[in-house]
Amino acid sequence: MILETERLILRPWEERDATDLFQYASVPEVGTIAGWPVHTSVENSREIIKSVFSAPETYAIVLKETMQPVGSIGLMIGSASHVGIPDTEAEIGYWIGVPYWGRGLIPEVVREMMRYGFDDLNLEKMWCGYFDGNTKSQRVQEKCGFRYHRTKENVPCALEGVLGTEYITCLSKSEWISFK
């Protein structure tokens, strides 16, 4: 599946993307705040592509102007989510490289994933989350209409043995229809 927005293409990750992935995923500001460990090598990024980014509904965020991946977004449907939801619901997860922060690219791509999930996959509800201190992700969720649902304490973070606080937000299909 390939999805498209005004400035972006969403397509499956490919092993040949490992160098581009490493460029952005090796930066501590990206992974740590999102709750995953920084990538340590191009080979590590290649393994992530094969093991994690090969999951269904996981996409490289590709800039149309360069045709290079600069981030990732995915839908974790039902039991694939860590939120504990039925198969009629999905969690959205995303990140983008630091040079692209503040350009409105993530809200653009999240809105496309919401459209795809609600219109094409007929999902009933979408969930999202952000760790304490990740105000950029919090703002994306607010811009896209997600509403606070609950707080999860002691959630494992990027660093071994470190636990954090995660805020869970959600949006129903009917709320999305009236929000858009």
C-alpha atoms as a PDB file:
ATOM      1  CA  MET A   1       0.000   0.000   0.000  1.00  0.00           C
ATOM      2  CA  ILE A   2       1.224   3.481  -0.856  1.00  0.00           C
ATOM      3  CA  LEU A   3      -0.457   6.577   0.571  1.00  0.00           C
ATOM      4  CA  GLU A   4       0.203  10.167  -0.377  1.00  0.00           C
ATOM      5  CA  THR A   5      -0.211  13.660   1.035  1.00  0.00           C
ATOM      6  CA  GLU A   6       0.669  17.028  -0.450  1.00  0.00           C
ATOM      7  CA  ARG A   7       4.348  16.766   0.537  1.00  0.00           C
ATOM      8  CA  LEU A   8       4.817  13.130   1.496  1.00  0.00           C
ATOM      9  CA  ILE A   9       4.614   9.555   0.285  1.00  0.00           C
ATOM     10  CA  LEU A  10       3.955   6.728   2.719  1.00  0.00           C
ATOM     11  CA  ARG A  11       5.341   3.423   1.508  1.00  0.00           C
ATOM     12  CA  PRO A  12       6.640   0.200   3.036  1.00  0.00           C
ATOM     13  CA  TRP A  13      10.179   0.283   4.404  1.00  0.00           C
ATOM     14  CA  GLU A  14      12.853  -1.428   2.286  1.00  0.00           C
ATOM     15  CA  GLU A  15      16.251  -2.723   3.379  1.00  0.00           C
ATOM     16  CA  ARG A  16      17.907  -0.192   1.069  1.00  0.00           C
ATOM     17  CA  ASP A  17      16.488   2.538   3.387  1.00  0.00           C
ATOM     18  CA  ALA A  18      18.838   1.502   6.224  1.00  0.00           C
ATOM     19  CA  THR A  19      21.345   4.337   5.708  1.00  0.00           C
ATOM     20  CA  ASP A  20      18.617   6.999   5.643  1.00  0.00           C
ATOM     21  CA  LEU A  21      16.940   5.429   8.672  1.00  0.00           C
ATOM     22  CA  PHE A  22      20.205   5.372  10.624  1.00  0.00           C
ATOM     23  CA  GLN A  23      20.831   9.046   9.812  1.00  0.00           C
ATOM     24  CA  TYR A  24      17.704  10.060  11.747  1.00  0.00           C
ATOM     25  CA  ALA A  25      17.178   7.184  14.203  1.00  0.00           C
ATOM     26  CA  SER A  26      20.716   7.423  15.608  1.00  0.00           C
ATOM     27  CA  VAL A  27      19.990  10.873  17.058  1.00  0.00           C
ATOM     28  CA  PRO A  28      19.134  10.602  20.788  1.00  0.00           C
ATOM     29  CA  GLU A  29      16.493  13.366  20.643  1.00  0.00           C
ATOM     30  CA  VAL A  30      14.343  11.200  18.380  1.00  0.00           C
ATOM     31  CA  GLY A  31      14.197   7.709  19.866  1.00  0.00           C
ATOM     32  CA  THR A  32      14.578   8.468  23.526  1.00  0.00           C
ATOM     33  CA  ILE A  33      11.570  10.799  23.712  1.00  0.00           C
ATOM     34  CA  ALA A  34       9.527   8.324  21.642  1.00  0.00           C
ATOM     35  CA  GLY A  35      10.423   5.426  23.934  1.00  0.00           C
ATOM     36  CA  TRP A  36      12.836   3.376  21.799  1.00  0.00           C
ATOM     37  CA  PRO A  37      16.623   3.017  21.834  1.00  0.00           C
ATOM     38  CA  VAL A  38      18.728   4.984  19.371  1.00  0.00           C
ATOM     39  CA  HIS A  39      20.075   3.019  16.424  1.00  0.00           C
ATOM     40  CA  THR A  40      23.749   2.122  16.791  1.00  0.00           C
ATOM     41  CA  SER A  41      24.715   1.342  13.173  1.00  0.00           C
ATOM     42  CA  VAL A  42      23.381   1.055   9.639  1.00  0.00           C
ATOM     43  CA  GLU A  43      23.204  -2.706  10.227  1.00  0.00           C
ATOM     44  CA  ASN A  44      21.116  -2.112  13.376  1.00  0.00           C
ATOM     45  CA  SER A  45      18.758   0.055  11.294  1.00  0.00           C
ATOM     46  CA  ARG A  46      18.578  -2.686   8.632  1.00  0.00           C
ATOM     47  CA  GLU A  47      17.596  -5.203  11.329  1.00  0.00           C
ATOM     48  CA  ILE A  48      14.903  -2.818  12.609  1.00  0.00           C
ATOM     49  CA  ILE A  49      13.533  -2.568   9.068  1.00  0.00           C
ATOM     50  CA  LYS A  50      13.401  -6.364   8.811  1.00  0.00           C
ATOM     51  CA  SER A  51      12.037  -7.066  12.290  1.00  0.00           C
ATOM     52  CA  VAL A  52       9.988  -4.035  13.389  1.00  0.00           C
ATOM     53  CA  PHE A  53       9.224  -1.941  10.317  1.00  0.00           C
ATOM     54  CA  SER A  54       8.085  -5.004   8.370  1.00  0.00           C
ATOM     55  CA  ALA A  55       4.932  -5.119  10.520  1.00  0.00           C
ATOM     56  CA  PRO A  56       1.630  -4.613   8.687  1.00  0.00           C
ATOM     57  CA  GLU A  57       0.569  -0.975   8.191  1.00  0.00           C
ATOM     58  CA  THR A  58       4.075   0.410   8.937  1.00  0.00           C
ATOM     59  CA  TYR A  59       5.293   3.046   6.507  1.00  0.00           C
ATOM     60  CA  ALA A  60       8.369   5.090   5.699  1.00  0.00           C
ATOM     61  CA  ILE A  61       7.585   8.807   5.577  1.00  0.00           C
ATOM     62  CA  VAL A  62       9.217   9.893   2.317  1.00  0.00           C
ATOM     63  CA  LEU A  63       9.676  13.523   1.296  1.00  0.00           C
ATOM     64  CA  LYS A  64       8.428  14.007  -2.260  1.00  0.00           C
ATOM     65  CA  GLU A  65      11.135  16.613  -2.916  1.00  0.00           C
ATOM     66  CA  THR A  66      14.009  14.192  -2.155  1.00  0.00           C
ATOM     67  CA  MET A  67      12.295  10.779  -2.338  1.00  0.00           C
ATOM     68  CA  GLN A  68      14.184   9.813   0.846  1.00  0.00           C
ATOM     69  CA  PRO A  69      12.618   8.497   4.062  1.00  0.00           C
ATOM     70  CA  VAL A  70      12.819  10.931   6.977  1.00  0.00           C
ATOM     71  CA  GLY A  71      10.563   9.209   9.524  1.00  0.00           C
ATOM     72  CA  SER A  72       8.073   6.447  10.144  1.00  0.00           C
ATOM     73  CA  ILE A  73       4.390   6.042  10.902  1.00  0.00           C
ATOM     74  CA  GLY A  74       2.259   3.009  11.509  1.00  0.00           C
ATOM     75  CA  LEU A  75      -1.070   1.673  12.626  1.00  0.00           C
ATOM     76  CA  MET A  76      -1.021  -1.063  15.240  1.00  0.00           C
ATOM     77  CA  ILE A  77      -4.424  -2.653  14.890  1.00  0.00           C
ATOM     78  CA  GLY A  78      -6.086  -4.520  17.752  1.00  0.00           C
ATOM     79  CA  SER A  79      -3.721  -6.852  19.587  1.00  0.00           C
ATOM     80  CA  ALA A  80      -0.694  -5.334  17.780  1.00  0.00           C
ATOM     81  CA  SER A  81      -1.194  -2.249  19.980  1.00  0.00           C
ATOM     82  CA  HIS A  82       0.156  -1.990  23.520  1.00  0.00           C
ATOM     83  CA  VAL A  83      -2.976  -0.061  24.572  1.00  0.00           C
ATOM     84  CA  GLY A  84      -5.218  -3.161  24.806  1.00  0.00           C
ATOM     85  CA  ILE A  85      -7.835  -2.501  22.130  1.00  0.00           C
ATOM     86  CA  PRO A  86     -10.201  -4.574  19.948  1.00  0.00           C
ATOM     87  CA  ASP A  87      -9.544  -5.339  16.272  1.00  0.00           C
ATOM     88  CA  THR A  88     -11.877  -2.494  15.265  1.00  0.00           C
ATOM     89  CA  GLU A  89      -9.442   0.065  16.720  1.00  0.00           C
ATOM     90  CA  ALA A  90      -5.824   1.052  16.093  1.00  0.00           C
ATOM     91  CA  GLU A  91      -2.967   2.907  17.717  1.00  0.00           C
ATOM     92  CA  ILE A  92      -0.944   5.377  15.637  1.00  0.00           C
ATOM     93  CA  GLY A  93       2.789   5.598  16.238  1.00  0.00           C
ATOM     94  CA  TYR A  94       5.109   8.050  14.486  1.00  0.00           C
ATOM     95  CA  TRP A  95       8.431   9.884  14.537  1.00  0.00           C
ATOM     96  CA  ILE A  96      10.384  12.146  12.198  1.00  0.00           C
ATOM     97  CA  GLY A  97      14.015  13.219  11.954  1.00  0.00           C
ATOM     98  CA  VAL A  98      15.090  16.340  13.860  1.00  0.00           C
ATOM     99  CA  PRO A  99      15.772  18.462  10.729  1.00  0.00           C
ATOM    100  CA  TYR A 100      12.064  18.134   9.871  1.00  0.00           C
ATOM    101  CA  TRP A 101      10.617  19.098  13.249  1.00  0.00           C
ATOM    102  CA  GLY A 102       8.296  22.097  13.243  1.00  0.00           C
ATOM    103  CA  ARG A 103       7.335  21.905   9.556  1.00  0.00           C
ATOM    104  CA  GLY A 104       3.875  20.409  10.047  1.00  0.00           C
ATOM    105  CA  LEU A 105       4.843  17.138   8.362  1.00  0.00           C
ATOM    106  CA  ILE A 106       3.743  14.841  11.182  1.00  0.00           C
ATOM    107  CA  PRO A 107       0.255  16.367  11.550  1.00  0.00           C
ATOM    108  CA  GLU A 108      -0.061  16.055   7.748  1.00  0.00           C
ATOM    109  CA  VAL A 109       0.850  12.383   7.784  1.00  0.00           C
ATOM    110  CA  VAL A 110      -1.177  11.581  10.927  1.00  0.00           C
ATOM    111  CA  ARG A 111      -4.262  13.072   9.262  1.00  0.00           C
ATOM    112  CA  GLU A 112      -3.693  10.826   6.233  1.00  0.00           C
ATOM    113  CA  MET A 113      -3.361   7.766   8.481  1.00  0.00           C
ATOM    114  CA  MET A 114      -6.583   8.761  10.213  1.00  0.00           C
ATOM    115  CA  ARG A 115      -8.339   9.097   6.863  1.00  0.00           C
ATOM    116  CA  TYR A 116      -6.986   5.733   5.758  1.00  0.00           C
ATOM    117  CA  GLY A 117      -7.892   4.049   9.041  1.00  0.00           C
ATOM    118  CA  PHE A 118     -11.386   5.441   9.343  1.00  0.00           C
ATOM    119  CA  ASP A 119     -12.391   5.511   5.650  1.00  0.00           C
ATOM    120  CA  ASP A 120     -10.507   2.575   4.096  1.00  0.00           C
ATOM    121  CA  LEU A 121     -10.090   0.209   7.057  1.00  0.00           C
ATOM    122  CA  ASN A 122     -13.402   1.221   8.690  1.00  0.00           C
ATOM    123  CA  LEU A 123     -11.851   1.513  12.147  1.00  0.00           C
ATOM    124  CA  GLU A 124     -14.096   2.729  14.961  1.00  0.00           C
ATOM    125  CA  LYS A 125     -11.483   4.458  17.124  1.00  0.00           C
ATOM    126  CA  MET A 126      -7.831   5.514  16.991  1.00  0.00           C
ATOM    127  CA  TRP A 127      -5.425   5.799  19.877  1.00  0.00           C
ATOM    128  CA  CYS A 128      -2.148   7.636  20.313  1.00  0.00           C
ATOM    129  CA  GLY A 129       0.283   8.257  23.146  1.00  0.00           C
ATOM    130  CA  TYR A 130       3.231  10.388  24.177  1.00  0.00           C
ATOM    131  CA  PHE A 131       5.738  10.244  26.993  1.00  0.00           C
ATOM    132  CA  ASP A 132       5.970  12.931  29.646  1.00  0.00           C
ATOM    133  CA  GLY A 133       8.005  15.811  28.253  1.00  0.00           C
ATOM    134  CA  ASN A 134       7.295  15.080  24.583  1.00  0.00           C
ATOM    135  CA  THR A 135       5.369  18.292  23.998  1.00  0.00           C
ATOM    136  CA  LYS A 136       5.850  18.093  20.210  1.00  0.00           C
ATOM    137  CA  SER A 137       3.981  14.790  20.033  1.00  0.00           C
ATOM    138  CA  GLN A 138       1.359  16.067  22.451  1.00  0.00           C
ATOM    139  CA  ARG A 139       0.788  19.071  20.182  1.00  0.00           C
ATOM    140  CA  VAL A 140       0.466  16.870  17.074  1.00  0.00           C
ATOM    141  CA  GLN A 141      -2.233  14.838  18.779  1.00  0.00           C
ATOM    142  CA  GLU A 142      -4.107  17.958  19.879  1.00  0.00           C
ATOM    143  CA  LYS A 143      -3.928  19.438  16.351  1.00  0.00           C
ATOM    144  CA  CYS A 144      -5.343  16.202  14.926  1.00  0.00           C
ATOM    145  CA  GLY A 145      -8.288  16.099  17.358  1.00  0.00           C
ATOM    146  CA  PHE A 146      -7.123  13.411  19.789  1.00  0.00           C
ATOM    147  CA  ARG A 147      -8.391  13.839  23.345  1.00  0.00           C
ATOM    148  CA  TYR A 148      -6.800  12.819  26.613  1.00  0.00           C
ATOM    149  CA  HIS A 149      -8.027   9.422  27.834  1.00  0.00           C
ATOM    150  CA  ARG A 150      -5.708   8.216  30.592  1.00  0.00           C
ATOM    151  CA  THR A 151      -2.210   8.199  32.060  1.00  0.00           C
ATOM    152  CA  LYS A 152      -0.014   5.086  32.301  1.00  0.00           C
ATOM    153  CA  GLU A 153       2.724   5.138  34.928  1.00  0.00           C
ATOM    154  CA  ASN A 154       5.919   3.054  34.937  1.00  0.00           C
ATOM    155  CA  VAL A 155       6.001   2.377  31.191  1.00  0.00           C
ATOM    156  CA  PRO A 156       9.347   0.954  29.937  1.00  0.00           C
ATOM    157  CA  CYS A 157      11.283   3.573  27.962  1.00  0.00           C
ATOM    158  CA  ALA A 158      14.254   3.577  25.604  1.00  0.00           C
ATOM    159  CA  LEU A 159      16.892   3.071  28.255  1.00  0.00           C
ATOM    160  CA  GLU A 160      17.108  -0.312  29.971  1.00  0.00           C
ATOM    161  CA  GLY A 161      15.411  -0.169  33.362  1.00  0.00           C
ATOM    162  CA  VAL A 162      14.033   3.358  32.895  1.00  0.00           C
ATOM    163  CA  LEU A 163      10.300   3.801  33.363  1.00  0.00           C
ATOM    164  CA  GLY A 164       8.261   6.768  32.230  1.00  0.00           C
ATOM    165  CA  THR A 165       4.789   8.252  32.260  1.00  0.00           C
ATOM    166  CA  GLU A 166       2.740   7.905  29.075  1.00  0.00           C
ATOM    167  CA  TYR A 167      -0.357   9.902  28.262  1.00  0.00           C
ATOM    168  CA  ILE A 168      -2.912   8.044  26.125  1.00  0.00           C
ATOM    169  CA  THR A 169      -5.239   9.932  23.783  1.00  0.00           C
ATOM    170  CA  CYS A 170      -8.010   8.719  21.500  1.00  0.00           C
ATOM    171  CA  LEU A 171     -10.442   9.799  18.808  1.00  0.00           C
ATOM    172  CA  SER A 172     -13.586   8.005  17.636  1.00  0.00           C
ATOM    173  CA  LYS A 173     -14.666   7.910  14.019  1.00  0.00           C
ATOM    174  CA  SER A 174     -17.678  10.135  14.775  1.00  0.00           C
ATOM    175  CA  GLU A 175     -15.445  12.671  16.564  1.00  0.00           C
ATOM    176  CA  TRP A 176     -13.068  12.616  13.587  1.00  0.00           C
ATOM    177  CA  ILE A 177     -15.917  13.254  11.135  1.00  0.00           C
ATOM    178  CA  SER A 178     -17.050  16.311  13.104  1.00  0.00           C
ATOM    179  CA  PHE A 179     -13.436  17.516  13.679  1.00  0.00           C
ATOM    180  CA  LYS A 180     -12.172  17.391  10.072  1.00  0.00           C
END
